[in-house]
Amino acid sequence: MILTNDNKYRGSLGQTFKLDEYSHVEKPFMEQLINLGWNKGKNQVLELQMQQTPEQSYRTSFTEVVLQPKLRDALKKQPDRK
């Protein structure tokens, strides 16, 4: 496989072949988590819409890595461990 921006080698490949993070990383990872049982009970696998605003993804900015509202809710639901 040749991945290049040079049309001489690419031909029509760019029209039919698409490498994107969602299709090749995020989606397979979410499917793997679901298959491992991570979407049952208190666990939740979030599949967010493409082209969202930060607020739609539980953030104030896309630079935030942790979804703080979801983390807070999850921590509140945890039983006290003594």
Protein backbone atom coordinates (compact mmCIF):
# COMPACT_ATOMS: atom_id res chain seq x y z
CA MET A 1 0.00 0.00 0.00
CA ILE A 2 1.32 3.45 -0.89
CA LEU A 3 0.11 6.39 1.15
CA THR A 4 1.17 9.60 -0.52
CA ASN A 5 -0.15 12.97 -1.58
CA ASP A 6 1.41 12.53 -5.00
CA ASN A 7 -1.41 11.88 -7.52
CA LYS A 8 1.04 10.04 -9.78
CA TYR A 9 1.05 7.10 -7.35
CA ARG A 10 -2.31 7.56 -5.66
CA GLY A 11 -4.57 7.58 -8.71
CA SER A 12 -8.21 7.31 -7.59
CA LEU A 13 -7.29 5.77 -4.23
CA GLY A 14 -8.03 9.00 -2.38
CA GLN A 15 -11.64 8.86 -3.53
CA THR A 16 -12.32 5.40 -2.11
CA PHE A 17 -9.79 4.90 0.69
CA LYS A 18 -10.18 6.96 3.85
CA LEU A 19 -8.00 6.83 6.94
CA ASP A 20 -9.58 8.59 9.86
CA GLU A 21 -9.16 8.25 13.59
CA TYR A 22 -12.83 7.57 14.29
CA SER A 23 -13.20 4.62 11.89
CA HIS A 24 -9.85 3.02 12.58
CA VAL A 25 -9.23 3.79 16.26
CA GLU A 26 -12.19 5.14 18.23
CA LYS A 27 -15.01 2.98 16.85
CA PRO A 28 -13.09 -0.36 17.10
CA PHE A 29 -12.01 0.56 20.64
CA MET A 30 -15.59 1.33 21.71
CA GLU A 31 -16.77 -1.95 20.19
CA GLN A 32 -14.03 -3.79 22.06
CA LEU A 33 -15.07 -2.20 25.36
CA ILE A 34 -18.72 -3.11 24.76
CA ASN A 35 -17.75 -6.71 23.92
CA LEU A 36 -15.79 -6.87 27.19
CA GLY A 37 -18.93 -5.85 29.12
CA TRP A 38 -18.02 -2.22 29.75
CA ASN A 39 -21.47 -0.96 28.72
CA LYS A 40 -23.46 -2.74 31.42
CA GLY A 41 -24.68 -1.56 34.78
CA LYS A 42 -22.96 1.62 35.92
CA ASN A 43 -20.46 1.58 33.06
CA GLN A 44 -21.20 3.58 29.97
CA VAL A 45 -19.45 3.71 26.60
CA LEU A 46 -20.15 7.13 25.10
CA GLU A 47 -20.30 7.43 21.33
CA LEU A 48 -20.36 11.15 20.62
CA GLN A 49 -21.59 12.71 17.40
CA MET A 50 -19.03 13.90 14.89
CA GLN A 51 -18.65 17.68 14.48
CA GLN A 52 -19.91 18.44 17.97
CA THR A 53 -19.42 21.49 20.14
CA PRO A 54 -17.44 21.11 23.38
CA GLU A 55 -20.65 21.35 25.42
CA GLN A 56 -22.16 18.37 23.56
CA SER A 57 -19.17 16.29 24.65
CA TYR A 58 -19.39 17.20 28.37
CA ARG A 59 -16.46 19.67 28.13
CA THR A 60 -15.94 23.42 28.07
CA SER A 61 -13.11 23.07 25.54
CA PHE A 62 -11.77 20.33 23.26
CA THR A 63 -8.43 20.64 25.08
CA GLU A 64 -10.01 18.93 28.12
CA VAL A 65 -9.23 15.22 28.16
CA VAL A 66 -11.32 14.19 31.17
CA LEU A 67 -15.11 14.47 30.89
CA GLN A 68 -15.46 16.07 34.32
CA PRO A 69 -19.27 15.96 34.64
CA LYS A 70 -19.27 12.24 33.81
CA LEU A 71 -16.38 11.62 36.22
CA ARG A 72 -18.16 13.51 39.03
CA ASP A 73 -21.37 11.52 38.50
CA ALA A 74 -19.45 8.24 38.51
CA LEU A 75 -17.57 9.15 41.71
CA LYS A 76 -20.81 10.12 43.46
CA LYS A 77 -22.29 6.71 42.62
CA GLN A 78 -19.34 4.80 44.09
CA PRO A 79 -20.06 3.22 47.49
CA ASP A 80 -17.91 4.28 50.43
CA ARG A 81 -15.04 1.87 50.87
CA LYS A 82 -13.62 1.67 54.36
